[in-house]
Amino acid sequence: MHPFSLVRPKTVREAVNAAAQAGADTRFIAGGTTLYDLMKLNIEQPRQVIDISGIADLSRIETDGGQLRFGALAPMSAVAADAVVSRDHPVLAEALAKAASQQLRNMATVGGNLLQRTRCPYFRNGAGGIYPCNKREPGSGCAAIGGLDRGQAVLGTSEACTAVSPGDWPVALVAVDAMIEVLGPDGSRSVPAGELYRLPGDAPHLEFTLARGEMITAIVVRKTNAGRVSTYHKIRDRESYAFALASAAVVLDFDGERIQQSRIALGGVATRPWRAPDAERLLAGERLTPELALAAGHASFREARAGRHNAFKLELGARTVADALLIAAERRR
């Protein structure tokens, strides 16, 4: 690990000012469950680390009124355990509860979790030039393409990168149309959750749409009746402490027995949290049956492109979506 200086601001504005003064070689840190790992692997080498964990205002969980608002420093475990979140938006509570281990969820924050980087083995284990990785060293190539790609993405890939987006929480936030509040040197703004992430294209190292010096301050979710008819369904190699091979966040809005509107987002199969508009259109105005649910699942993967070892994700992903639709639908009764 390389030497770095540590700054502990007392307010959000102090943190943003410190980042603006330090330039590109600075990183914010909260729970540290991602950044410390990347620093030890020499993937991240900041000259300055800004510890925002002591900013009390960023830890609030607000559930009154017509929205849910989570401060960026709220622990994942605290949001998952909140009674209002579990009742009104189970998709959010389940996405958090199925992520990592209890110990990590106690440390990790809901804001920091949005910015975790891929677990692609070539990205994490290729320090020192052992394996080429365009995310780590732009222009060096992608060892996963044509390599061991069982865990790689099948949606949103490019000729430069197939690394899968690792998060569960971001997938759920995309499904509920969450807004991300951001503060930077030029002021505050709100970003739709899905627009926080970039496709890899020919520049996979550019992963997020945050400007230099910007930090996430809160996550806002509008309360809806459909939020109760929701789920996060995750398939993985083992039941706990594992990243998704395929996952689906589903929110359903019924008009009688027919689906008026659906929101479906996929995880474990794409280079960023992935919305499935083809499946959503297929379901509109229809009565949900197991057959229709599976058809919607297959529609979610119409544009998928498999590699050497991950073609199984197309059918696994389709069935994950189908199961999630049926689980969510049961919750309206």
Protein backbone atom coordinates (compact mmCIF):
# COMPACT_ATOMS: atom_id res chain seq x y z
CA MET A 1 0.00 0.00 0.00
CA HIS A 2 1.29 3.44 -0.91
CA PRO A 3 1.58 6.33 1.59
CA PHE A 4 -1.35 8.74 1.72
CA SER A 5 -2.60 11.61 3.83
CA LEU A 6 -5.86 11.38 5.79
CA VAL A 7 -8.38 14.19 6.22
CA ARG A 8 -11.39 14.04 8.57
CA PRO A 9 -13.86 16.83 7.71
CA LYS A 10 -16.74 17.65 10.07
CA THR A 11 -19.26 18.73 7.42
CA VAL A 12 -20.23 17.76 3.89
CA ARG A 13 -19.08 21.12 2.55
CA GLU A 14 -15.67 20.68 4.19
CA ALA A 15 -15.37 17.25 2.58
CA VAL A 16 -16.22 18.57 -0.88
CA ASN A 17 -13.82 21.50 -0.50
CA ALA A 18 -11.04 19.15 0.57
CA ALA A 19 -11.64 16.98 -2.50
CA ALA A 20 -11.64 20.01 -4.80
CA GLN A 21 -8.32 21.22 -3.39
CA ALA A 22 -6.66 17.81 -3.56
CA GLY A 23 -7.44 17.11 -7.22
CA ALA A 24 -7.81 13.76 -8.96
CA ASP A 25 -5.70 11.67 -6.58
CA THR A 26 -8.17 11.74 -3.69
CA ARG A 27 -10.88 9.35 -2.55
CA PHE A 28 -13.75 9.55 -0.07
CA ILE A 29 -13.98 6.73 2.45
CA ALA A 30 -16.86 5.71 4.72
CA GLY A 31 -17.08 2.07 5.81
CA GLY A 32 -13.95 1.21 3.85
CA THR A 33 -15.16 -2.24 2.81
CA THR A 34 -14.26 -1.63 -0.85
CA LEU A 35 -11.56 1.04 -0.90
CA TYR A 36 -9.23 -0.69 1.56
CA ASP A 37 -9.27 -3.85 -0.55
CA LEU A 38 -8.51 -1.94 -3.74
CA MET A 39 -5.70 -0.01 -2.07
CA LYS A 40 -4.10 -3.22 -0.83
CA LEU A 41 -4.30 -4.61 -4.37
CA ASN A 42 -2.66 -1.41 -5.70
CA ILE A 43 -5.66 -0.79 -7.94
CA GLU A 44 -6.50 2.40 -6.06
CA GLN A 45 -3.51 4.56 -5.07
CA PRO A 46 -4.88 7.85 -3.73
CA ARG A 47 -2.51 10.44 -2.33
CA GLN A 48 -5.25 11.70 -0.04
CA VAL A 49 -8.15 9.88 1.62
CA ILE A 50 -11.07 11.92 2.97
CA ASP A 51 -12.75 10.10 5.84
CA ILE A 52 -16.41 11.19 5.89
CA SER A 53 -17.55 8.63 8.47
CA GLY A 54 -17.78 11.26 11.20
CA ILE A 55 -20.33 13.47 9.44
CA ALA A 56 -23.40 12.71 11.55
CA ASP A 57 -26.00 14.30 9.26
CA LEU A 58 -25.27 11.71 6.57
CA SER A 59 -26.43 8.74 8.69
CA ARG A 60 -30.12 9.57 8.93
CA ILE A 61 -32.86 7.21 7.79
CA GLU A 62 -36.09 9.13 7.16
CA THR A 63 -39.29 7.21 6.39
CA ASP A 64 -42.04 9.72 7.22
CA GLY A 65 -44.16 11.37 4.55
CA GLY A 66 -44.26 10.36 0.92
CA GLN A 67 -40.68 9.23 0.48
CA LEU A 68 -37.84 7.22 1.93
CA ARG A 69 -34.59 9.10 2.37
CA PHE A 70 -31.36 7.38 3.31
CA GLY A 71 -28.29 9.37 4.22
CA ALA A 72 -25.25 8.12 2.34
CA LEU A 73 -23.58 6.94 5.58
CA ALA A 74 -26.55 4.90 6.80
CA PRO A 75 -25.29 1.33 7.37
CA MET A 76 -26.68 -1.26 4.98
CA SER A 77 -27.80 -3.40 7.91
CA ALA A 78 -29.75 -0.52 9.50
CA VAL A 79 -31.70 0.24 6.32
CA ALA A 80 -32.40 -3.47 5.75
CA ALA A 81 -33.78 -3.80 9.30
CA ASP A 82 -36.01 -0.72 9.16
CA ALA A 83 -39.64 -1.76 9.64
CA VAL A 84 -41.07 0.79 7.19
CA VAL A 85 -38.59 -0.15 4.46
CA SER A 86 -39.30 -3.86 4.91
CA ARG A 87 -43.07 -3.30 4.80
CA ASP A 88 -43.37 -0.69 2.06
CA HIS A 89 -40.45 -1.65 -0.21
CA PRO A 90 -39.33 -5.23 0.47
CA VAL A 91 -37.23 -5.15 -2.71
CA LEU A 92 -34.90 -2.68 -0.96
CA ALA A 93 -34.64 -4.58 2.32
CA GLU A 94 -34.04 -7.89 0.53
CA ALA A 95 -31.35 -6.48 -1.75
CA LEU A 96 -29.43 -5.24 1.28
CA ALA A 97 -30.01 -8.35 3.40
CA LYS A 98 -28.71 -10.63 0.64
CA ALA A 99 -25.51 -8.66 0.13
CA ALA A 100 -22.17 -9.71 1.62
CA SER A 101 -22.02 -10.88 5.27
CA GLN A 102 -23.64 -9.43 8.38
CA GLN A 103 -20.30 -8.03 9.52
CA LEU A 104 -19.78 -6.22 6.24
CA ARG A 105 -23.35 -4.95 6.17
CA ASN A 106 -22.77 -3.44 9.61
CA MET A 107 -19.79 -1.48 8.26
CA ALA A 108 -20.73 -0.79 4.65
CA THR A 109 -22.83 2.27 3.84
CA VAL A 110 -25.69 2.60 1.37
CA GLY A 111 -23.90 5.44 -0.39
CA GLY A 112 -20.53 3.76 -0.65
CA ASN A 113 -22.14 0.54 -1.86
CA LEU A 114 -23.30 2.34 -5.00
CA LEU A 115 -19.68 2.90 -6.00
CA GLN A 116 -18.16 -0.52 -5.43
CA ARG A 117 -16.13 -1.79 -8.34
CA THR A 118 -16.27 -5.07 -10.20
CA ARG A 119 -15.10 -8.36 -8.74
CA CYS A 120 -13.81 -9.52 -12.13
CA PRO A 121 -10.83 -11.72 -11.21
CA TYR A 122 -8.65 -10.24 -13.93
CA PHE A 123 -9.31 -6.74 -12.59
CA ARG A 124 -8.60 -7.65 -8.97
CA ASN A 125 -5.80 -10.18 -9.41
CA GLY A 126 -3.90 -8.71 -12.34
CA ALA A 127 -1.79 -6.11 -10.56
CA GLY A 128 1.77 -5.97 -11.87
CA GLY A 129 0.73 -6.72 -15.45
CA ILE A 130 -0.04 -10.39 -14.90
CA TYR A 131 -3.34 -10.07 -16.78
CA PRO A 132 -4.35 -7.22 -19.08
CA CYS A 133 -7.39 -5.25 -17.86
CA ASN A 134 -8.76 -2.10 -19.47
CA LYS A 135 -10.48 -1.08 -16.25
CA ARG A 136 -7.22 -1.09 -14.34
CA GLU A 137 -4.85 -0.02 -17.14
CA PRO A 138 -6.70 1.62 -20.06
CA GLY A 139 -5.62 0.26 -23.42
CA SER A 140 -3.93 -2.86 -22.04
CA GLY A 141 -6.63 -5.28 -23.23
CA CYS A 142 -9.17 -7.58 -21.57
CA ALA A 143 -8.03 -11.02 -20.47
CA ALA A 144 -11.62 -12.05 -19.66
CA ILE A 145 -12.62 -11.96 -23.33
CA GLY A 146 -11.72 -15.44 -24.50
CA GLY A 147 -10.60 -16.34 -20.98
CA LEU A 148 -12.31 -17.60 -17.85
CA ASP A 149 -15.57 -15.70 -18.18
CA ARG A 150 -18.11 -17.74 -16.19
CA GLY A 151 -18.93 -14.80 -13.94
CA GLN A 152 -18.76 -12.11 -16.62
CA ALA A 153 -21.58 -10.01 -18.05
CA VAL A 154 -23.78 -10.98 -20.99
CA LEU A 155 -25.53 -7.58 -21.30
CA GLY A 156 -23.93 -4.19 -21.91
CA THR A 157 -20.53 -5.61 -22.83
CA SER A 158 -18.09 -4.15 -25.32
CA GLU A 159 -14.98 -5.23 -27.18
CA ALA A 160 -12.99 -3.66 -24.36
CA CYS A 161 -14.70 -5.10 -21.26
CA THR A 162 -17.15 -7.72 -20.03
CA ALA A 163 -16.77 -7.09 -16.28
CA VAL A 164 -20.02 -7.57 -14.39
CA SER A 165 -21.46 -4.91 -12.10
CA PRO A 166 -21.33 -6.53 -8.64
CA GLY A 167 -23.98 -4.74 -6.57
CA ASP A 168 -27.38 -5.86 -5.29
CA TRP A 169 -28.52 -2.55 -3.78
CA PRO A 170 -28.03 -0.54 -7.00
CA VAL A 171 -30.21 -3.02 -8.91
CA ALA A 172 -33.06 -2.54 -6.46
CA LEU A 173 -32.69 1.24 -6.60
CA VAL A 174 -32.90 1.20 -10.39
CA ALA A 175 -36.12 -0.83 -10.17
CA VAL A 176 -37.77 1.72 -7.82
CA ASP A 177 -36.57 4.73 -9.84
CA ALA A 178 -34.53 6.07 -6.93
CA MET A 179 -32.81 9.44 -7.07
CA ILE A 180 -29.24 9.93 -5.88
CA GLU A 181 -28.45 13.28 -4.25
CA VAL A 182 -24.93 14.51 -4.98
CA LEU A 183 -22.90 17.48 -3.77
CA GLY A 184 -19.81 18.81 -5.48
CA PRO A 185 -17.77 21.97 -6.01
CA ASP A 186 -20.45 23.32 -8.37
CA GLY A 187 -23.35 22.66 -6.00
CA SER A 188 -25.94 19.93 -5.51
CA ARG A 189 -27.85 17.87 -8.04
CA SER A 190 -30.03 14.75 -8.23
CA VAL A 191 -29.20 11.82 -10.49
CA PRO A 192 -31.56 8.95 -11.40
CA ALA A 193 -29.99 5.76 -10.03
CA GLY A 194 -29.64 4.22 -13.47
CA GLU A 195 -27.75 7.23 -14.77
CA LEU A 196 -25.04 6.96 -12.14
CA TYR A 197 -23.35 4.18 -14.14
CA ARG A 198 -21.59 4.22 -17.51
CA LEU A 199 -21.45 1.44 -20.07
CA PRO A 200 -17.86 0.29 -20.66
CA GLY A 201 -17.65 1.20 -24.36
CA ASP A 202 -14.00 1.74 -25.24
CA ALA A 203 -13.23 3.39 -21.85
CA PRO A 204 -14.13 0.82 -19.15
CA HIS A 205 -12.09 2.69 -16.52
CA LEU A 206 -14.73 5.45 -16.54
CA GLU A 207 -17.43 3.72 -14.51
CA PHE A 208 -19.53 6.45 -12.90
CA THR A 209 -20.99 9.77 -14.00
CA LEU A 210 -19.90 11.67 -10.90
CA ALA A 211 -17.77 14.71 -11.62
CA ARG A 212 -14.43 15.24 -9.89
CA GLY A 213 -14.94 16.11 -6.23
CA GLU A 214 -18.60 15.10 -6.12
CA MET A 215 -19.86 12.87 -3.32
CA ILE A 216 -23.14 11.05 -2.78
CA THR A 217 -25.07 12.53 0.15
CA ALA A 218 -28.42 10.71 0.10
CA ILE A 219 -30.70 8.28 -1.70
CA VAL A 220 -34.38 9.14 -2.16
CA VAL A 221 -37.16 6.69 -3.03
CA ARG A 222 -40.74 7.78 -3.64
CA LYS A 223 -43.28 5.70 -1.69
CA THR A 224 -45.80 3.92 -3.91
CA ASN A 225 -48.43 1.24 -3.40
CA ALA A 226 -46.55 -0.86 -5.94
CA GLY A 227 -43.52 -0.81 -3.65
CA ARG A 228 -45.17 -3.40 -1.44
CA VAL A 229 -45.59 -5.73 -4.43
CA SER A 230 -41.88 -6.17 -4.95
CA THR A 231 -38.95 -8.50 -4.38
CA TYR A 232 -35.23 -8.94 -4.93
CA HIS A 233 -34.41 -12.48 -6.03
CA LYS A 234 -30.76 -13.53 -6.11
CA ILE A 235 -29.17 -16.72 -7.43
CA ARG A 236 -25.56 -17.47 -6.45
CA ASP A 237 -23.16 -20.35 -6.02
CA ARG A 238 -23.76 -20.49 -2.28
CA GLU A 239 -26.62 -19.21 -0.16
CA SER A 240 -24.73 -16.40 1.57
CA TYR A 241 -21.68 -14.17 1.20
CA ALA A 242 -21.52 -14.57 -2.58
CA PHE A 243 -22.08 -12.30 -5.56
CA ALA A 244 -24.99 -12.93 -7.88
CA LEU A 245 -24.77 -15.14 -10.93
CA ALA A 246 -28.15 -13.64 -11.76
CA SER A 247 -30.58 -11.48 -9.84
CA ALA A 248 -33.80 -9.57 -10.47
CA ALA A 249 -35.46 -6.67 -8.72
CA VAL A 250 -39.17 -6.51 -9.54
CA VAL A 251 -41.88 -3.96 -8.68
CA LEU A 252 -45.45 -4.58 -9.89
CA ASP A 253 -48.40 -2.21 -10.11
CA PHE A 254 -51.70 -4.08 -10.60
CA ASP A 255 -55.07 -2.86 -11.84
CA GLY A 256 -57.34 -5.61 -10.62
CA GLU A 257 -55.90 -8.86 -11.95
CA ARG A 258 -53.82 -7.25 -14.66
CA ILE A 259 -50.39 -5.69 -14.48
CA GLN A 260 -50.71 -2.00 -15.13
CA GLN A 261 -46.99 -1.31 -14.94
CA SER A 262 -43.87 -3.23 -14.00
CA ARG A 263 -40.29 -2.26 -13.26
CA ILE A 264 -37.64 -4.92 -13.70
CA ALA A 265 -33.90 -4.55 -13.14
CA LEU A 266 -31.23 -7.23 -13.50
CA GLY A 267 -28.04 -7.88 -11.57
CA GLY A 268 -25.14 -10.29 -11.93
CA VAL A 269 -25.53 -10.39 -15.72
CA ALA A 270 -24.66 -6.90 -16.97
CA THR A 271 -21.89 -4.33 -16.88
CA ARG A 272 -24.15 -1.98 -14.91
CA PRO A 273 -27.51 -2.34 -13.11
CA TRP A 274 -29.71 -3.26 -16.06
CA ARG A 275 -33.32 -2.24 -16.70
CA ALA A 276 -35.42 -4.66 -18.81
CA PRO A 277 -37.86 -2.51 -20.85
CA ASP A 278 -38.75 -5.29 -23.32
CA ALA A 279 -40.00 -7.44 -20.46
CA GLU A 280 -41.87 -4.53 -18.91
CA ARG A 281 -43.71 -3.84 -22.19
CA LEU A 282 -44.58 -7.51 -22.59
CA LEU A 283 -46.28 -7.56 -19.18
CA ALA A 284 -48.29 -4.34 -19.54
CA GLY A 285 -52.03 -4.97 -19.39
CA GLU A 286 -51.64 -8.74 -18.97
CA ARG A 287 -52.63 -11.28 -16.33
CA LEU A 288 -49.50 -12.80 -14.85
CA THR A 289 -49.09 -16.53 -15.42
CA PRO A 290 -46.00 -18.71 -15.03
CA GLU A 291 -45.78 -18.92 -18.82
CA LEU A 292 -45.94 -15.14 -19.25
CA ALA A 293 -43.42 -14.65 -16.44
CA LEU A 294 -40.93 -16.91 -18.22
CA ALA A 295 -41.58 -15.17 -21.54
CA ALA A 296 -40.80 -11.86 -19.83
CA GLY A 297 -37.62 -13.40 -18.47
CA HIS A 298 -36.49 -14.44 -21.92
CA ALA A 299 -37.41 -11.00 -23.28
CA SER A 300 -35.01 -9.50 -20.74
CA PHE A 301 -32.11 -11.24 -22.48
CA ARG A 302 -32.93 -10.63 -26.16
CA GLU A 303 -29.81 -8.53 -26.63
CA ALA A 304 -27.51 -10.70 -24.50
CA ARG A 305 -24.16 -11.81 -25.84
CA ALA A 306 -22.59 -14.79 -24.14
CA GLY A 307 -18.91 -15.67 -23.91
CA ARG A 308 -17.18 -19.03 -23.75
CA HIS A 309 -18.37 -20.16 -20.33
CA ASN A 310 -21.34 -18.00 -19.31
CA ALA A 311 -24.08 -18.86 -21.80
CA PHE A 312 -25.91 -20.54 -18.90
CA LYS A 313 -26.69 -17.06 -17.58
CA LEU A 314 -29.23 -16.48 -20.35
CA GLU A 315 -31.57 -19.23 -19.17
CA LEU A 316 -30.67 -18.82 -15.50
CA GLY A 317 -31.34 -15.10 -15.76
CA ALA A 318 -34.65 -15.61 -17.54
CA ARG A 319 -35.85 -18.02 -14.87
CA THR A 320 -34.64 -15.68 -12.12
CA VAL A 321 -36.82 -12.92 -13.57
CA ALA A 322 -39.77 -15.30 -13.88
CA ASP A 323 -39.47 -16.45 -10.27
CA ALA A 324 -39.12 -12.86 -9.06
CA LEU A 325 -42.30 -11.83 -10.89
CA LEU A 326 -44.28 -14.64 -9.29
CA ILE A 327 -42.86 -13.95 -5.81
CA ALA A 328 -43.70 -10.25 -6.07
CA ALA A 329 -47.21 -10.94 -7.39
CA GLU A 330 -48.01 -13.09 -4.35
CA ARG A 331 -47.44 -10.07 -2.10
CA ARG A 332 -50.50 -8.19 -3.34
CA ARG A 333 -52.83 -10.70 -1.72
